[in-house]
Amino acid sequence: MQYVGYYFIELFIIFIFMYIFNYILKKKKNKLGSSPGFKYIEKKYNLNMDKKRADTLAKIIVLTDSILLSVPIYMCLFVLNMNSLLKMIGLFALTFIFCIIFVIFSYNMIGKVLKKKGW
């Protein structure tokens, strides 16, 4: 049960950093739509973006990216009690493949939900 608490603490810390660097600083520079995830979702699903929608989508992407980053970091920090180098390389490869699949899946789900809502 303590590992779940560690995971949520890690997720919260990553979310705070992502929120500061990928939302607040970009909003001050008027570059909210400059992230690759934002452009991917916007172009693939032909979303009509105004200032309010861009702000909302940027917050959704920050939350999604925080979750995407926290899973492999958690796996590498707490599950990586392995002695063999081959096992560590396998775990890194597995988390890398997991991240790619999860990124594509989550961005497509965000796009589908927003398109369904009439964006």
Protein backbone atom coordinates (compact mmCIF):
# COMPACT_ATOMS: atom_id res chain seq x y z
CA MET A 1 0.00 0.00 0.00
CA GLN A 2 2.92 2.32 0.60
CA TYR A 3 3.94 2.03 -3.06
CA VAL A 4 0.59 3.48 -4.12
CA GLY A 5 1.27 6.47 -1.90
CA TYR A 6 4.75 6.85 -3.40
CA TYR A 7 3.24 6.72 -6.88
CA PHE A 8 0.73 9.48 -6.16
CA ILE A 9 3.40 11.66 -4.54
CA GLU A 10 5.58 11.17 -7.61
CA LEU A 11 2.64 11.88 -9.91
CA PHE A 12 1.84 15.08 -8.01
CA ILE A 13 5.44 16.31 -8.20
CA ILE A 14 5.65 15.58 -11.93
CA PHE A 15 2.29 17.27 -12.48
CA ILE A 16 3.43 20.43 -10.68
CA PHE A 17 6.61 20.63 -12.78
CA MET A 18 4.72 19.92 -16.01
CA TYR A 19 2.06 22.48 -15.11
CA ILE A 20 4.64 25.17 -14.43
CA PHE A 21 6.86 24.53 -17.44
CA ASN A 22 4.30 23.36 -20.04
CA TYR A 23 1.33 25.49 -19.12
CA ILE A 24 2.12 28.60 -17.08
CA LEU A 25 5.35 29.56 -18.86
CA LYS A 26 3.92 28.82 -22.31
CA LYS A 27 0.77 30.76 -21.50
CA LYS A 28 2.86 33.80 -20.56
CA LYS A 29 4.68 33.56 -23.89
CA ASN A 30 1.41 32.91 -25.82
CA LYS A 31 2.68 29.53 -27.05
CA LEU A 32 0.06 27.14 -25.63
CA GLY A 33 -0.47 25.30 -28.91
CA SER A 34 3.20 24.63 -29.58
CA SER A 35 3.54 21.18 -27.99
CA PRO A 36 3.68 18.15 -30.29
CA GLY A 37 0.74 16.49 -28.53
CA PHE A 38 -1.39 19.59 -28.98
CA LYS A 39 -0.58 19.82 -32.68
CA TYR A 40 -1.16 16.09 -33.19
CA ILE A 41 -4.61 16.14 -31.60
CA GLU A 42 -5.62 19.38 -33.30
CA LYS A 43 -4.59 18.32 -36.81
CA LYS A 44 -5.68 14.69 -36.69
CA TYR A 45 -9.19 15.46 -35.43
CA ASN A 46 -9.62 18.89 -37.13
CA LEU A 47 -10.57 20.61 -33.89
CA ASN A 48 -11.78 24.20 -33.97
CA MET A 49 -9.54 25.98 -31.49
CA ASP A 50 -10.25 29.28 -29.83
CA LYS A 51 -8.42 30.70 -26.82
CA LYS A 52 -10.61 29.00 -24.22
CA ARG A 53 -10.47 25.60 -25.91
CA ALA A 54 -6.72 25.83 -26.40
CA ASP A 55 -6.37 26.57 -22.69
CA THR A 56 -8.51 23.56 -21.75
CA LEU A 57 -6.71 21.23 -24.16
CA ALA A 58 -3.33 22.39 -22.83
CA LYS A 59 -4.41 21.49 -19.29
CA ILE A 60 -5.66 18.07 -20.44
CA ILE A 61 -2.36 17.41 -22.19
CA VAL A 62 -0.37 18.43 -19.09
CA LEU A 63 -2.37 15.96 -16.98
CA THR A 64 -2.01 13.20 -19.57
CA ASP A 65 1.72 13.77 -20.00
CA SER A 66 2.18 13.73 -16.22
CA ILE A 67 0.55 10.34 -16.00
CA LEU A 68 2.54 9.11 -19.00
CA LEU A 69 5.82 10.16 -17.40
CA SER A 70 5.04 8.93 -13.92
CA VAL A 71 4.43 5.30 -14.89
CA PRO A 72 7.89 4.47 -16.35
CA ILE A 73 9.65 6.58 -13.71
CA TYR A 74 7.80 4.66 -11.00
CA MET A 75 8.64 1.35 -12.65
CA CYS A 76 12.31 2.25 -12.92
CA LEU A 77 12.58 3.56 -9.34
CA PHE A 78 10.59 1.02 -7.36
CA VAL A 79 10.45 -2.10 -9.48
CA LEU A 80 14.09 -1.92 -10.54
CA ASN A 81 15.49 -4.10 -7.77
CA MET A 82 17.10 -6.40 -10.29
CA ASN A 83 20.58 -7.82 -10.26
CA SER A 84 20.97 -8.73 -13.90
CA LEU A 85 21.83 -6.16 -16.56
CA LEU A 86 19.76 -8.11 -19.08
CA LYS A 87 16.68 -7.79 -16.86
CA MET A 88 17.21 -4.03 -16.53
CA ILE A 89 17.57 -3.59 -20.29
CA GLY A 90 14.42 -5.64 -20.78
CA LEU A 91 12.52 -3.48 -18.31
CA PHE A 92 13.70 -0.28 -19.99
CA ALA A 93 12.65 -1.64 -23.40
CA LEU A 94 9.30 -2.71 -22.02
CA THR A 95 8.60 0.68 -20.44
CA PHE A 96 9.67 2.46 -23.65
CA ILE A 97 7.28 0.37 -25.75
CA PHE A 98 4.55 0.83 -23.13
CA CYS A 99 5.04 4.61 -23.22
CA ILE A 100 4.81 4.84 -27.01
CA ILE A 101 1.64 2.77 -27.11
CA PHE A 102 0.12 4.64 -24.17
CA VAL A 103 0.94 8.06 -25.67
CA ILE A 104 -0.68 7.21 -29.00
CA PHE A 105 -3.69 5.61 -27.32
CA SER A 106 -4.27 8.44 -24.85
CA TYR A 107 -3.89 11.24 -27.43
CA ASN A 108 -6.31 9.44 -29.76
CA MET A 109 -8.81 9.01 -26.92
CA ILE A 110 -8.55 12.71 -26.04
CA GLY A 111 -9.10 13.64 -29.69
CA LYS A 112 -12.09 11.32 -30.07
CA VAL A 113 -13.74 12.61 -26.89
CA LEU A 114 -13.22 16.25 -27.88
CA LYS A 115 -14.47 15.62 -31.41
CA LYS A 116 -17.55 13.89 -29.98
CA LYS A 117 -18.20 16.93 -27.76
CA GLY A 118 -18.28 19.13 -30.84
CA TRP A 119 -14.89 20.76 -30.82
